[in-house]
Amino acid sequence: MSGDGKSDALAWILTAVSGDDVAVTEDDLASVVAAAASGLADKNLGARAAGGKLVDEVIRRAGSAGAARLVTSSSLPPALKSAAAAQIGRAHV
């Protein structure tokens, strides 16, 4: 998938999970973390920005500790886990 396509897909996911009236489970958030990590590790700036926005939404819903736990317990490759953990560490949500 191109960086622009990934950016669009991540923006769509953000729309689907954001908003206080949207019911999102922990399993949903785990999937969002995986999608976000793939954007954060992309060389395309738009994909990285979209991945960061997804991480911000996970933090808003689960808190920093909850987001970090979702990353740690995921089966993501180490490079993607590292990208997601770094974003959580520098997020100011």
N, C-alpha and C. Protein backbone atom coordinates (compact mmCIF):
# COMPACT_ATOMS: atom_id res chain seq x y z
N MET A 1 0.85 -1.17 0.00
CA MET A 1 0.00 0.00 0.00
C MET A 1 0.90 1.23 0.00
N SER A 2 0.56 2.20 -0.82
CA SER A 2 1.34 3.44 -0.87
C SER A 2 1.16 4.22 0.43
N GLY A 3 2.07 5.14 0.67
CA GLY A 3 1.97 5.97 1.87
C GLY A 3 0.70 6.80 1.88
N ASP A 4 0.32 7.32 0.70
CA ASP A 4 -0.92 8.11 0.63
C ASP A 4 -2.14 7.25 0.90
N GLY A 5 -2.14 6.04 0.36
CA GLY A 5 -3.26 5.12 0.62
C GLY A 5 -3.35 4.74 2.08
N LYS A 6 -2.18 4.52 2.70
CA LYS A 6 -2.15 4.18 4.12
C LYS A 6 -2.66 5.36 4.96
N SER A 7 -2.26 6.56 4.59
CA SER A 7 -2.74 7.75 5.29
C SER A 7 -4.25 7.84 5.22
N ASP A 8 -4.81 7.61 4.04
CA ASP A 8 -6.27 7.66 3.87
C ASP A 8 -6.96 6.57 4.70
N ALA A 9 -6.39 5.37 4.70
CA ALA A 9 -6.98 4.27 5.46
C ALA A 9 -6.94 4.57 6.96
N LEU A 10 -5.83 5.12 7.44
CA LEU A 10 -5.73 5.44 8.86
C LEU A 10 -6.68 6.57 9.24
N ALA A 11 -6.86 7.52 8.35
CA ALA A 11 -7.83 8.60 8.60
C ALA A 11 -9.24 8.03 8.69
N TRP A 12 -9.55 7.05 7.86
CA TRP A 12 -10.87 6.41 7.89
C TRP A 12 -11.06 5.69 9.23
N ILE A 13 -10.03 4.98 9.69
CA ILE A 13 -10.11 4.27 10.97
C ILE A 13 -10.33 5.28 12.09
N LEU A 14 -9.61 6.40 12.06
CA LEU A 14 -9.78 7.42 13.08
C LEU A 14 -11.22 7.92 13.12
N THR A 15 -11.81 8.15 11.96
CA THR A 15 -13.20 8.59 11.90
C THR A 15 -14.13 7.55 12.50
N ALA A 16 -13.81 6.28 12.25
CA ALA A 16 -14.67 5.20 12.73
C ALA A 16 -14.61 5.03 14.25
N VAL A 17 -13.48 5.36 14.87
CA VAL A 17 -13.34 5.10 16.31
C VAL A 17 -13.42 6.35 17.18
N SER A 18 -13.40 7.51 16.57
CA SER A 18 -13.41 8.73 17.39
C SER A 18 -14.83 9.20 17.65
N GLY A 19 -14.94 9.99 18.66
CA GLY A 19 -16.26 10.48 19.06
C GLY A 19 -16.72 9.78 20.32
N ASP A 20 -17.26 10.54 21.23
CA ASP A 20 -17.67 9.97 22.51
C ASP A 20 -18.87 9.05 22.40
N ASP A 21 -19.62 9.14 21.31
CA ASP A 21 -20.80 8.30 21.15
C ASP A 21 -20.49 6.97 20.47
N VAL A 22 -19.22 6.74 20.15
CA VAL A 22 -18.81 5.50 19.48
C VAL A 22 -18.36 4.49 20.54
N ALA A 23 -18.96 3.32 20.54
CA ALA A 23 -18.57 2.26 21.47
C ALA A 23 -17.36 1.53 20.90
N VAL A 24 -16.27 1.54 21.65
CA VAL A 24 -15.03 0.91 21.21
C VAL A 24 -14.56 -0.02 22.32
N THR A 25 -14.27 -1.26 21.96
CA THR A 25 -13.80 -2.24 22.94
C THR A 25 -12.28 -2.24 23.01
N GLU A 26 -11.76 -2.94 23.99
CA GLU A 26 -10.30 -3.08 24.10
C GLU A 26 -9.74 -3.81 22.88
N ASP A 27 -10.47 -4.79 22.37
CA ASP A 27 -10.02 -5.48 21.15
C ASP A 27 -9.96 -4.51 19.97
N ASP A 28 -10.94 -3.61 19.89
CA ASP A 28 -10.91 -2.58 18.85
C ASP A 28 -9.66 -1.72 18.98
N LEU A 29 -9.37 -1.31 20.21
CA LEU A 29 -8.21 -0.45 20.43
C LEU A 29 -6.91 -1.18 20.11
N ALA A 30 -6.85 -2.47 20.37
CA ALA A 30 -5.66 -3.24 20.03
C ALA A 30 -5.45 -3.24 18.51
N SER A 31 -6.53 -3.34 17.77
CA SER A 31 -6.43 -3.28 16.31
C SER A 31 -6.03 -1.88 15.84
N VAL A 32 -6.54 -0.87 16.51
CA VAL A 32 -6.17 0.51 16.18
C VAL A 32 -4.68 0.73 16.43
N VAL A 33 -4.16 0.19 17.52
CA VAL A 33 -2.73 0.31 17.81
C VAL A 33 -1.91 -0.33 16.70
N ALA A 34 -2.32 -1.49 16.23
CA ALA A 34 -1.59 -2.16 15.16
C ALA A 34 -1.60 -1.33 13.88
N ALA A 35 -2.74 -0.79 13.54
CA ALA A 35 -2.84 0.05 12.35
C ALA A 35 -1.99 1.31 12.51
N ALA A 36 -2.07 1.92 13.69
CA ALA A 36 -1.30 3.13 13.95
C ALA A 36 0.19 2.86 13.82
N ALA A 37 0.63 1.75 14.36
CA ALA A 37 2.06 1.41 14.32
C ALA A 37 2.55 1.27 12.89
N SER A 38 1.72 0.72 12.02
CA SER A 38 2.14 0.58 10.62
C SER A 38 2.29 1.96 9.97
N GLY A 39 1.45 2.90 10.36
CA GLY A 39 1.59 4.26 9.86
C GLY A 39 2.81 4.96 10.43
N LEU A 40 3.03 4.79 11.72
CA LEU A 40 4.17 5.44 12.37
C LEU A 40 5.51 4.98 11.81
N ALA A 41 5.57 3.75 11.34
CA ALA A 41 6.81 3.21 10.81
C ALA A 41 6.99 3.47 9.31
N ASP A 42 6.02 4.11 8.69
CA ASP A 42 6.07 4.37 7.25
C ASP A 42 6.97 5.56 6.95
N LYS A 43 7.59 5.56 5.78
CA LYS A 43 8.45 6.68 5.39
C LYS A 43 7.64 7.90 4.95
N ASN A 44 6.36 7.70 4.64
CA ASN A 44 5.49 8.79 4.19
C ASN A 44 5.05 9.63 5.38
N LEU A 45 5.27 10.94 5.28
CA LEU A 45 4.94 11.85 6.38
C LEU A 45 3.45 11.82 6.72
N GLY A 46 2.59 11.76 5.71
CA GLY A 46 1.15 11.72 5.95
C GLY A 46 0.73 10.48 6.71
N ALA A 47 1.33 9.34 6.38
CA ALA A 47 1.02 8.10 7.08
C ALA A 47 1.48 8.17 8.53
N ARG A 48 2.66 8.74 8.76
CA ARG A 48 3.15 8.88 10.13
C ARG A 48 2.26 9.81 10.95
N ALA A 49 1.82 10.90 10.33
CA ALA A 49 0.93 11.84 11.04
C ALA A 49 -0.40 11.17 11.38
N ALA A 50 -0.94 10.42 10.44
CA ALA A 50 -2.21 9.73 10.68
C ALA A 50 -2.04 8.67 11.77
N GLY A 51 -0.92 7.97 11.77
CA GLY A 51 -0.65 7.00 12.83
C GLY A 51 -0.57 7.66 14.19
N GLY A 52 0.03 8.84 14.24
CA GLY A 52 0.11 9.58 15.49
C GLY A 52 -1.25 10.00 16.01
N LYS A 53 -2.13 10.40 15.11
CA LYS A 53 -3.49 10.78 15.52
C LYS A 53 -4.25 9.58 16.07
N LEU A 54 -4.02 8.42 15.47
CA LEU A 54 -4.67 7.21 15.99
C LEU A 54 -4.17 6.88 17.40
N VAL A 55 -2.88 7.00 17.60
CA VAL A 55 -2.33 6.74 18.94
C VAL A 55 -2.92 7.73 19.94
N ASP A 56 -3.05 8.99 19.53
CA ASP A 56 -3.66 9.98 20.42
C ASP A 56 -5.08 9.57 20.82
N GLU A 57 -5.83 9.02 19.88
CA GLU A 57 -7.20 8.58 20.18
C GLU A 57 -7.19 7.39 21.14
N VAL A 58 -6.25 6.47 20.96
CA VAL A 58 -6.15 5.34 21.88
C VAL A 58 -5.81 5.85 23.28
N ILE A 59 -4.90 6.80 23.37
CA ILE A 59 -4.53 7.36 24.67
C ILE A 59 -5.73 8.08 25.29
N ARG A 60 -6.48 8.80 24.49
CA ARG A 60 -7.66 9.49 25.01
C ARG A 60 -8.65 8.51 25.61
N ARG A 61 -8.78 7.35 25.00
CA ARG A 61 -9.75 6.36 25.46
C ARG A 61 -9.22 5.47 26.57
N ALA A 62 -7.94 5.10 26.50
CA ALA A 62 -7.39 4.10 27.43
C ALA A 62 -6.36 4.67 28.39
N GLY A 63 -5.96 5.92 28.20
CA GLY A 63 -4.89 6.50 29.01
C GLY A 63 -3.53 6.03 28.50
N SER A 64 -2.50 6.74 28.92
CA SER A 64 -1.15 6.39 28.47
C SER A 64 -0.74 4.99 28.90
N ALA A 65 -1.05 4.65 30.15
CA ALA A 65 -0.68 3.32 30.65
C ALA A 65 -1.44 2.23 29.90
N GLY A 66 -2.72 2.46 29.62
CA GLY A 66 -3.51 1.47 28.88
C GLY A 66 -3.01 1.31 27.46
N ALA A 67 -2.65 2.42 26.82
CA ALA A 67 -2.11 2.35 25.46
C ALA A 67 -0.79 1.60 25.45
N ALA A 68 0.06 1.89 26.43
CA ALA A 68 1.34 1.20 26.52
C ALA A 68 1.14 -0.30 26.74
N ARG A 69 0.16 -0.65 27.55
CA ARG A 69 -0.13 -2.08 27.79
C ARG A 69 -0.59 -2.76 26.51
N LEU A 70 -1.42 -2.06 25.73
CA LEU A 70 -1.89 -2.63 24.46
C LEU A 70 -0.71 -2.89 23.51
N VAL A 71 0.24 -1.97 23.49
CA VAL A 71 1.43 -2.15 22.64
C VAL A 71 2.25 -3.33 23.14
N THR A 72 2.51 -3.36 24.42
CA THR A 72 3.34 -4.42 25.00
C THR A 72 2.74 -5.80 24.78
N SER A 73 1.43 -5.91 24.90
CA SER A 73 0.78 -7.22 24.79
C SER A 73 0.48 -7.61 23.34
N SER A 74 0.77 -6.72 22.41
CA SER A 74 0.46 -7.02 21.01
C SER A 74 1.49 -7.99 20.43
N SER A 75 1.13 -8.56 19.29
CA SER A 75 2.05 -9.46 18.59
C SER A 75 2.75 -8.74 17.44
N LEU A 76 2.84 -7.42 17.54
CA LEU A 76 3.51 -6.63 16.51
C LEU A 76 5.00 -6.96 16.47
N PRO A 77 5.61 -6.83 15.30
CA PRO A 77 7.06 -6.96 15.22
C PRO A 77 7.74 -5.88 16.09
N PRO A 78 8.94 -6.15 16.56
CA PRO A 78 9.62 -5.21 17.46
C PRO A 78 9.73 -3.78 16.91
N ALA A 79 9.98 -3.62 15.63
CA ALA A 79 10.12 -2.27 15.07
C ALA A 79 8.80 -1.49 15.17
N LEU A 80 7.69 -2.17 14.95
CA LEU A 80 6.39 -1.51 15.05
C LEU A 80 6.03 -1.21 16.51
N LYS A 81 6.36 -2.15 17.40
CA LYS A 81 6.13 -1.90 18.83
C LYS A 81 6.92 -0.68 19.28
N SER A 82 8.15 -0.60 18.82
CA SER A 82 9.01 0.51 19.20
C SER A 82 8.45 1.84 18.70
N ALA A 83 7.96 1.86 17.47
CA ALA A 83 7.39 3.08 16.89
C ALA A 83 6.16 3.52 17.69
N ALA A 84 5.29 2.58 18.04
CA ALA A 84 4.09 2.91 18.80
C ALA A 84 4.44 3.36 20.21
N ALA A 85 5.37 2.67 20.86
CA ALA A 85 5.76 3.04 22.22
C ALA A 85 6.39 4.42 22.25
N ALA A 86 7.19 4.74 21.25
CA ALA A 86 7.81 6.07 21.19
C ALA A 86 6.75 7.15 21.03
N GLN A 87 5.75 6.89 20.22
CA GLN A 87 4.67 7.88 20.03
C GLN A 87 3.90 8.07 21.33
N ILE A 88 3.64 7.00 22.04
CA ILE A 88 2.93 7.11 23.33
C ILE A 88 3.77 7.94 24.30
N GLY A 89 5.07 7.72 24.28
CA GLY A 89 5.95 8.45 25.18
C GLY A 89 5.99 9.93 24.93
N ARG A 90 5.81 10.35 23.70
CA ARG A 90 5.88 11.78 23.40
C ARG A 90 4.52 12.43 23.19
N ALA A 91 3.46 11.67 23.32
CA ALA A 91 2.11 12.22 23.12
C ALA A 91 1.74 13.12 24.29
N HIS A 92 1.06 14.19 23.96
CA HIS A 92 0.55 15.12 24.96
C HIS A 92 -0.93 15.29 24.74
N VAL A 93 -1.69 14.27 25.11
CA VAL A 93 -3.13 14.27 24.86
C VAL A 93 -3.85 14.71 26.12
